[in-house]
């Protein structure tokens, strides 16, 4: 098996394992009563994963690039962003949950607007409609969520 295949399978298994861990042994009512988030240290793990997936494919001669693009690195970065998005904060209260909800709402709307604008711009420039890969949309939505969440959180905390 190639190293690329092993890495992709490992990321998929880690993601599946994290999802099972979050909802294991909980009834549906318990899961939706309170947000089930990862421990706080997962944010640091996500940051490390993002840095590793952004640097390793270019630093070492592992032949991880495909057509000059870092697809495996983007998948690792998506996993890191996922860990950051769903990690608990130091203070978790109703206000934090509301900020999370509004940030997700904004990020999904802006993500789909991004797709529409990019496709329309591509079509106007004379190109045919280009399909946007799902990992690019996921990366954009999670990045915008993190940006929106921390900006909104800092504004609300500074107003107090």
Protein backbone atom coordinates (compact mmCIF):
# COMPACT_ATOMS: atom_id res chain seq x y z
CA UNK A 1 0.00 0.00 0.00
CA UNK A 2 1.19 3.49 -0.76
CA UNK A 3 1.86 6.04 1.96
CA UNK A 4 -0.89 8.27 0.55
CA UNK A 5 -3.51 5.54 0.93
CA UNK A 6 -2.39 4.77 4.45
CA UNK A 7 -2.61 8.44 5.46
CA UNK A 8 -6.09 8.85 3.97
CA UNK A 9 -7.33 5.70 5.71
CA UNK A 10 -5.77 6.85 9.00
CA UNK A 11 -7.49 10.26 8.81
CA UNK A 12 -10.83 8.58 8.03
CA UNK A 13 -10.46 6.17 10.97
CA UNK A 14 -9.51 8.99 13.34
CA UNK A 15 -12.51 11.06 12.24
CA UNK A 16 -14.88 8.10 12.62
CA UNK A 17 -13.41 7.25 16.02
CA UNK A 18 -13.87 10.81 17.24
CA UNK A 19 -17.52 10.81 16.15
CA UNK A 20 -18.17 7.50 17.92
CA UNK A 21 -16.42 8.80 21.04
CA UNK A 22 -18.58 11.94 21.12
CA UNK A 23 -21.89 10.08 21.00
CA UNK A 24 -21.03 6.74 22.63
CA UNK A 25 -23.43 5.64 25.36
CA UNK A 26 -25.70 8.66 25.09
CA UNK A 27 -29.35 8.69 24.22
CA UNK A 28 -30.53 11.09 21.55
CA UNK A 29 -32.13 13.31 24.17
CA UNK A 30 -28.89 13.56 26.17
CA UNK A 31 -26.86 14.37 23.07
CA UNK A 32 -29.06 17.26 21.99
CA UNK A 33 -29.75 18.57 25.49
CA UNK A 34 -26.22 19.92 25.85
CA UNK A 35 -23.48 20.37 23.28
CA UNK A 36 -21.05 17.49 23.46
CA UNK A 37 -17.64 18.93 22.70
CA UNK A 38 -14.11 17.61 22.72
CA UNK A 39 -11.81 18.46 25.63
CA UNK A 40 -10.08 21.82 25.53
CA UNK A 41 -6.66 20.40 24.67
CA UNK A 42 -8.00 19.24 21.27
CA UNK A 43 -7.56 22.85 20.06
CA UNK A 44 -3.82 22.52 20.50
CA UNK A 45 -3.86 19.11 18.83
CA UNK A 46 -5.74 20.69 15.90
CA UNK A 47 -3.19 23.51 15.61
CA UNK A 48 -0.33 21.01 15.59
CA UNK A 49 -2.11 18.93 12.95
CA UNK A 50 -2.62 22.01 10.74
CA UNK A 51 1.05 23.00 11.00
CA UNK A 52 2.22 19.45 10.30
CA UNK A 53 -0.08 18.97 7.32
CA UNK A 54 0.97 22.31 5.86
CA UNK A 55 4.72 21.76 6.18
CA UNK A 56 5.54 18.04 6.00
CA UNK A 57 4.55 17.38 2.36
CA UNK A 58 6.82 20.22 1.22
CA UNK A 59 9.66 19.62 3.68
CA UNK A 60 10.48 15.99 3.12
CA UNK A 61 10.69 13.94 -0.03
CA UNK A 62 7.69 11.73 0.77
CA UNK A 63 6.04 12.11 -2.64
CA UNK A 64 2.77 13.30 -1.07
CA UNK A 65 2.05 15.99 -3.65
CA UNK A 66 -0.28 15.20 -6.54
CA UNK A 67 -0.02 17.49 -9.58
CA UNK A 68 1.87 19.93 -7.36
CA UNK A 69 -1.00 20.20 -4.89
CA UNK A 70 -1.08 19.18 -1.27
CA UNK A 71 -4.36 17.21 -1.17
CA UNK A 72 -3.40 15.08 1.81
CA UNK A 73 -2.24 18.18 3.66
CA UNK A 74 -5.61 19.82 3.06
CA UNK A 75 -7.36 16.76 4.49
CA UNK A 76 -5.12 16.92 7.55
CA UNK A 77 -5.81 20.65 7.87
CA UNK A 78 -9.55 19.96 7.64
CA UNK A 79 -9.22 17.45 10.48
CA UNK A 80 -7.27 20.02 12.51
CA UNK A 81 -9.92 22.68 11.87
CA UNK A 82 -12.60 20.16 12.86
CA UNK A 83 -10.83 19.56 16.18
CA UNK A 84 -10.53 23.30 16.81
CA UNK A 85 -14.17 23.96 15.92
CA UNK A 86 -15.55 21.29 18.23
CA UNK A 87 -13.22 21.75 21.20
CA UNK A 88 -14.57 23.12 24.45
CA UNK A 89 -13.63 26.61 25.65
CA UNK A 90 -12.49 27.48 29.13
CA UNK A 91 -15.90 29.00 29.87
CA UNK A 92 -18.84 27.16 28.31
CA UNK A 93 -22.20 28.76 28.96
CA UNK A 94 -25.39 29.61 27.09
CA UNK A 95 -23.81 32.68 25.54
CA UNK A 96 -20.96 30.62 24.13
CA UNK A 97 -23.44 28.14 22.65
CA UNK A 98 -25.39 30.99 21.05
CA UNK A 99 -22.19 32.44 19.60
CA UNK A 100 -21.30 28.98 18.21
CA UNK A 101 -24.73 28.63 16.62
CA UNK A 102 -24.64 32.06 15.01
CA UNK A 103 -21.10 31.53 13.79
CA UNK A 104 -22.03 28.21 12.14
CA UNK A 105 -25.05 29.86 10.57
CA UNK A 106 -22.91 32.65 9.13
CA UNK A 107 -20.17 30.34 7.94
CA UNK A 108 -22.53 28.01 6.07
CA UNK A 109 -24.27 30.93 4.38
CA UNK A 110 -20.96 32.54 3.40
CA UNK A 111 -19.64 29.16 2.25
CA UNK A 112 -22.47 28.69 -0.21
CA UNK A 113 -22.22 32.33 -1.30
CA UNK A 114 -18.53 31.69 -1.93
CA UNK A 115 -19.40 28.76 -4.20
CA UNK A 116 -22.00 30.79 -6.10
CA UNK A 117 -19.70 33.80 -6.53
CA UNK A 118 -16.73 31.69 -7.63
CA UNK A 119 -18.82 29.72 -10.15
CA UNK A 120 -20.47 32.85 -11.50
CA UNK A 121 -17.14 34.64 -11.76
CA UNK A 122 -15.64 31.68 -13.56
CA UNK A 123 -18.55 31.57 -15.99
CA UNK A 124 -18.38 35.32 -16.67
CA UNK A 125 -14.65 35.08 -17.38
CA UNK A 126 -15.45 32.66 -20.18
CA UNK A 127 -14.64 29.39 -18.49
CA UNK A 128 -17.12 26.63 -18.05
CA UNK A 129 -18.46 26.00 -14.59
CA UNK A 130 -15.73 24.44 -12.51
CA UNK A 131 -16.64 21.93 -9.88
CA UNK A 132 -15.47 22.99 -6.46
CA UNK A 133 -14.05 20.12 -4.44
CA UNK A 134 -15.88 19.39 -1.20
CA UNK A 135 -12.69 19.65 0.87
CA UNK A 136 -12.24 23.24 -0.32
CA UNK A 137 -15.78 24.16 0.75
CA UNK A 138 -15.35 22.43 4.11
CA UNK A 139 -12.02 24.22 4.64
CA UNK A 140 -13.61 27.58 3.84
CA UNK A 141 -16.66 27.01 6.08
CA UNK A 142 -14.62 25.86 9.08
CA UNK A 143 -12.05 28.64 8.67
CA UNK A 144 -14.79 31.25 8.48
CA UNK A 145 -16.51 29.68 11.51
CA UNK A 146 -13.36 29.96 13.61
CA UNK A 147 -12.79 33.55 12.48
CA UNK A 148 -16.42 34.54 13.12
CA UNK A 149 -16.61 32.73 16.47
CA UNK A 150 -13.54 34.32 18.00
CA UNK A 151 -14.28 37.81 16.65
CA UNK A 152 -17.86 37.70 17.97
CA UNK A 153 -16.73 36.21 21.28
CA UNK A 154 -14.09 38.91 21.78
CA UNK A 155 -16.59 41.69 20.94
CA UNK A 156 -19.16 40.36 23.41
CA UNK A 157 -16.61 39.77 26.16
CA UNK A 158 -15.15 43.28 25.70
CA UNK A 159 -18.61 44.87 25.95
CA UNK A 160 -19.12 43.43 29.43
